[in-house]
Amino acid sequence: MRALLDTHVFLWAAASPEELTPEARARIEDRSNEIFVSAVAGWEIALKVGLGKLTVPGDPAIWFPARVRSLGFAPLSLDVSHALAAAALS
């Protein structure tokens, strides 16, 4: 199975896995699944830290990619074609 985590689910998986439903936690922890985290989640985390609405241990530019790697998740980049395709969805 392949899954893309949104920012909240990534934060729960990274810091408070007990907040996840048992089903979500099982899927995330199942190493046969491909779990993706978008660059947009990193952007959102950095913005919220900068606004004082979120705290993470350390600089988000270092913490976010390190945590993605340590959890075994795959980073998902965003480029102009993705942004344009997303705009076409509305």
N, C-alpha and C. Protein backbone atom coordinates (compact mmCIF):
# COMPACT_ATOMS: atom_id res chain seq x y z
N MET A 1 0.83 -1.17 0.00
CA MET A 1 0.00 0.00 0.00
C MET A 1 0.89 1.24 0.00
N ARG A 2 0.40 2.29 -0.64
CA ARG A 2 1.09 3.57 -0.64
C ARG A 2 0.18 4.58 0.05
N ALA A 3 0.77 5.44 0.89
CA ALA A 3 -0.02 6.44 1.60
C ALA A 3 0.76 7.75 1.65
N LEU A 4 0.04 8.84 1.52
CA LEU A 4 0.59 10.18 1.67
C LEU A 4 0.04 10.76 2.95
N LEU A 5 0.93 11.08 3.90
CA LEU A 5 0.50 11.63 5.18
C LEU A 5 0.29 13.13 5.07
N ASP A 6 -0.79 13.61 5.66
CA ASP A 6 -0.93 15.06 5.75
C ASP A 6 -0.09 15.55 6.93
N THR A 7 -0.03 16.85 7.10
CA THR A 7 0.86 17.43 8.11
C THR A 7 0.50 16.96 9.52
N HIS A 8 -0.79 16.95 9.86
CA HIS A 8 -1.17 16.53 11.21
C HIS A 8 -0.79 15.08 11.48
N VAL A 9 -1.05 14.22 10.52
CA VAL A 9 -0.73 12.80 10.71
C VAL A 9 0.78 12.61 10.81
N PHE A 10 1.54 13.34 10.00
CA PHE A 10 3.00 13.27 10.12
C PHE A 10 3.44 13.69 11.52
N LEU A 11 2.92 14.81 12.01
CA LEU A 11 3.32 15.29 13.34
C LEU A 11 2.96 14.28 14.42
N TRP A 12 1.78 13.67 14.32
CA TRP A 12 1.41 12.65 15.30
C TRP A 12 2.34 11.45 15.20
N ALA A 13 2.62 11.00 13.98
CA ALA A 13 3.52 9.85 13.81
C ALA A 13 4.91 10.16 14.34
N ALA A 14 5.35 11.41 14.17
CA ALA A 14 6.69 11.82 14.56
C ALA A 14 6.84 12.04 16.05
N ALA A 15 5.77 12.50 16.72
CA ALA A 15 5.91 12.91 18.11
C ALA A 15 4.89 12.31 19.07
N SER A 16 3.72 11.95 18.57
CA SER A 16 2.65 11.45 19.45
C SER A 16 1.88 10.33 18.76
N PRO A 17 2.52 9.21 18.48
CA PRO A 17 1.81 8.15 17.74
C PRO A 17 0.54 7.65 18.42
N GLU A 18 0.44 7.86 19.72
CA GLU A 18 -0.78 7.45 20.43
C GLU A 18 -2.01 8.25 19.98
N GLU A 19 -1.81 9.39 19.31
CA GLU A 19 -2.91 10.19 18.79
C GLU A 19 -3.53 9.57 17.53
N LEU A 20 -2.80 8.69 16.87
CA LEU A 20 -3.29 8.05 15.65
C LEU A 20 -4.31 6.98 16.00
N THR A 21 -5.22 6.73 15.06
CA THR A 21 -6.13 5.60 15.25
C THR A 21 -5.29 4.32 15.17
N PRO A 22 -5.75 3.25 15.79
CA PRO A 22 -4.99 2.00 15.71
C PRO A 22 -4.76 1.56 14.26
N GLU A 23 -5.75 1.76 13.40
CA GLU A 23 -5.60 1.37 11.99
C GLU A 23 -4.53 2.20 11.29
N ALA A 24 -4.56 3.52 11.50
CA ALA A 24 -3.56 4.39 10.88
C ALA A 24 -2.17 4.05 11.39
N ARG A 25 -2.06 3.85 12.67
CA ARG A 25 -0.74 3.52 13.25
C ARG A 25 -0.21 2.21 12.69
N ALA A 26 -1.07 1.21 12.56
CA ALA A 26 -0.64 -0.08 12.01
C ALA A 26 -0.17 0.07 10.57
N ARG A 27 -0.89 0.84 9.78
CA ARG A 27 -0.50 1.04 8.38
C ARG A 27 0.82 1.79 8.27
N ILE A 28 0.99 2.80 9.11
CA ILE A 28 2.23 3.59 9.08
C ILE A 28 3.42 2.74 9.53
N GLU A 29 3.22 1.91 10.53
CA GLU A 29 4.30 1.10 11.08
C GLU A 29 4.61 -0.16 10.27
N ASP A 30 3.72 -0.51 9.34
CA ASP A 30 3.92 -1.69 8.49
C ASP A 30 4.97 -1.35 7.43
N ARG A 31 6.16 -1.90 7.58
CA ARG A 31 7.30 -1.56 6.69
C ARG A 31 7.09 -2.02 5.25
N SER A 32 6.05 -2.84 4.99
CA SER A 32 5.78 -3.22 3.60
C SER A 32 5.02 -2.12 2.86
N ASN A 33 4.53 -1.13 3.59
CA ASN A 33 3.83 0.01 2.99
C ASN A 33 4.81 1.12 2.66
N GLU A 34 4.53 1.85 1.59
CA GLU A 34 5.31 3.03 1.23
C GLU A 34 4.59 4.24 1.81
N ILE A 35 5.23 4.94 2.72
CA ILE A 35 4.64 6.10 3.37
C ILE A 35 5.37 7.35 2.87
N PHE A 36 4.61 8.25 2.28
CA PHE A 36 5.16 9.48 1.71
C PHE A 36 4.80 10.67 2.57
N VAL A 37 5.70 11.65 2.60
CA VAL A 37 5.45 12.93 3.26
C VAL A 37 5.83 14.01 2.26
N SER A 38 4.91 14.90 1.98
CA SER A 38 5.13 15.95 0.99
C SER A 38 6.00 17.08 1.53
N ALA A 39 6.73 17.69 0.62
CA ALA A 39 7.48 18.90 0.95
C ALA A 39 6.55 19.97 1.49
N VAL A 40 5.28 19.92 1.09
CA VAL A 40 4.30 20.89 1.58
C VAL A 40 4.13 20.78 3.09
N ALA A 41 4.22 19.57 3.63
CA ALA A 41 4.14 19.39 5.09
C ALA A 41 5.30 20.11 5.77
N GLY A 42 6.49 19.99 5.21
CA GLY A 42 7.64 20.69 5.77
C GLY A 42 7.46 22.20 5.71
N TRP A 43 6.91 22.67 4.62
CA TRP A 43 6.64 24.10 4.45
C TRP A 43 5.65 24.57 5.51
N GLU A 44 4.56 23.81 5.65
CA GLU A 44 3.54 24.18 6.64
C GLU A 44 4.11 24.18 8.06
N ILE A 45 4.91 23.18 8.38
CA ILE A 45 5.52 23.11 9.71
C ILE A 45 6.44 24.31 9.94
N ALA A 46 7.27 24.63 8.96
CA ALA A 46 8.18 25.77 9.09
C ALA A 46 7.41 27.08 9.26
N LEU A 47 6.33 27.25 8.51
CA LEU A 47 5.52 28.46 8.64
C LEU A 47 4.90 28.57 10.04
N LYS A 48 4.34 27.46 10.52
CA LYS A 48 3.69 27.49 11.84
C LYS A 48 4.70 27.70 12.96
N VAL A 49 5.89 27.14 12.83
CA VAL A 49 6.93 27.38 13.83
C VAL A 49 7.30 28.86 13.80
N GLY A 50 7.46 29.42 12.60
CA GLY A 50 7.81 30.83 12.47
C GLY A 50 6.76 31.77 13.05
N LEU A 51 5.49 31.35 12.99
CA LEU A 51 4.40 32.16 13.54
C LEU A 51 4.19 31.92 15.03
N GLY A 52 4.92 30.97 15.59
CA GLY A 52 4.76 30.66 17.01
C GLY A 52 3.57 29.77 17.31
N LYS A 53 2.98 29.13 16.29
CA LYS A 53 1.81 28.28 16.49
C LYS A 53 2.16 26.81 16.66
N LEU A 54 3.44 26.47 16.50
CA LEU A 54 3.88 25.09 16.62
C LEU A 54 5.32 25.10 17.13
N THR A 55 5.65 24.10 17.91
CA THR A 55 7.01 23.94 18.40
C THR A 55 7.49 22.56 17.99
N VAL A 56 8.69 22.51 17.44
CA VAL A 56 9.35 21.24 17.15
C VAL A 56 10.73 21.30 17.79
N PRO A 57 11.31 20.13 18.06
CA PRO A 57 12.62 20.14 18.71
C PRO A 57 13.73 20.57 17.74
N GLY A 58 14.03 21.84 17.75
CA GLY A 58 15.10 22.36 16.90
C GLY A 58 14.59 23.10 15.68
N ASP A 59 15.51 23.38 14.80
CA ASP A 59 15.23 24.09 13.56
C ASP A 59 14.42 23.18 12.64
N PRO A 60 13.23 23.61 12.17
CA PRO A 60 12.42 22.75 11.30
C PRO A 60 13.15 22.32 10.04
N ALA A 61 14.06 23.16 9.53
CA ALA A 61 14.80 22.81 8.31
C ALA A 61 15.72 21.61 8.53
N ILE A 62 16.08 21.36 9.76
CA ILE A 62 16.91 20.20 10.09
C ILE A 62 16.03 19.07 10.64
N TRP A 63 15.12 19.43 11.53
CA TRP A 63 14.27 18.43 12.19
C TRP A 63 13.39 17.68 11.21
N PHE A 64 12.70 18.40 10.32
CA PHE A 64 11.73 17.76 9.43
C PHE A 64 12.36 16.68 8.54
N PRO A 65 13.39 17.01 7.74
CA PRO A 65 13.94 15.93 6.88
C PRO A 65 14.58 14.81 7.69
N ALA A 66 15.17 15.13 8.83
CA ALA A 66 15.78 14.10 9.67
C ALA A 66 14.71 13.16 10.21
N ARG A 67 13.58 13.72 10.61
CA ARG A 67 12.49 12.90 11.17
C ARG A 67 11.84 12.06 10.07
N VAL A 68 11.68 12.62 8.88
CA VAL A 68 11.13 11.85 7.76
C VAL A 68 12.02 10.62 7.52
N ARG A 69 13.33 10.83 7.47
CA ARG A 69 14.27 9.72 7.26
C ARG A 69 14.23 8.72 8.40
N SER A 70 14.25 9.21 9.64
CA SER A 70 14.32 8.30 10.78
C SER A 70 13.07 7.42 10.90
N LEU A 71 11.94 7.92 10.42
CA LEU A 71 10.71 7.13 10.45
C LEU A 71 10.59 6.20 9.25
N GLY A 72 11.53 6.33 8.30
CA GLY A 72 11.50 5.46 7.13
C GLY A 72 10.51 5.91 6.08
N PHE A 73 10.07 7.16 6.15
CA PHE A 73 9.13 7.67 5.17
C PHE A 73 9.88 8.17 3.93
N ALA A 74 9.17 8.28 2.83
CA ALA A 74 9.76 8.77 1.59
C ALA A 74 9.34 10.23 1.38
N PRO A 75 10.31 11.12 1.19
CA PRO A 75 9.95 12.51 0.91
C PRO A 75 9.37 12.62 -0.49
N LEU A 76 8.36 13.45 -0.62
CA LEU A 76 7.70 13.66 -1.90
C LEU A 76 7.88 15.12 -2.28
N SER A 77 8.64 15.35 -3.33
CA SER A 77 8.92 16.71 -3.76
C SER A 77 7.71 17.33 -4.45
N LEU A 78 7.75 18.63 -4.56
CA LEU A 78 6.70 19.38 -5.24
C LEU A 78 7.40 20.27 -6.25
N ASP A 79 6.92 20.23 -7.49
CA ASP A 79 7.48 21.15 -8.48
C ASP A 79 6.35 21.92 -9.16
N VAL A 80 6.70 22.77 -10.08
CA VAL A 80 5.72 23.65 -10.72
C VAL A 80 4.61 22.85 -11.38
N SER A 81 4.94 21.74 -12.02
CA SER A 81 3.88 20.96 -12.68
C SER A 81 2.86 20.44 -11.68
N HIS A 82 3.32 20.06 -10.49
CA HIS A 82 2.39 19.61 -9.44
C HIS A 82 1.47 20.75 -9.00
N ALA A 83 2.06 21.92 -8.78
CA ALA A 83 1.27 23.07 -8.35
C ALA A 83 0.23 23.44 -9.40
N LEU A 84 0.62 23.41 -10.65
CA LEU A 84 -0.32 23.74 -11.73
C LEU A 84 -1.42 22.70 -11.86
N ALA A 85 -1.06 21.44 -11.70
CA ALA A 85 -2.06 20.38 -11.75
C ALA A 85 -3.04 20.49 -10.59
N ALA A 86 -2.55 20.84 -9.42
CA ALA A 86 -3.42 21.03 -8.26
C ALA A 86 -4.38 22.18 -8.48
N ALA A 87 -3.90 23.25 -9.09
CA ALA A 87 -4.76 24.39 -9.37
C ALA A 87 -5.89 24.01 -10.33
N ALA A 88 -5.62 23.09 -11.22
CA ALA A 88 -6.64 22.66 -12.19
C ALA A 88 -7.73 21.82 -11.56
N LEU A 89 -7.50 21.31 -10.35
CA LEU A 89 -8.49 20.48 -9.67
C LEU A 89 -9.70 21.27 -9.17
N SER A 90 -9.52 22.57 -8.96
CA SER A 90 -10.63 23.36 -8.40
C SER A 90 -11.56 23.87 -9.46
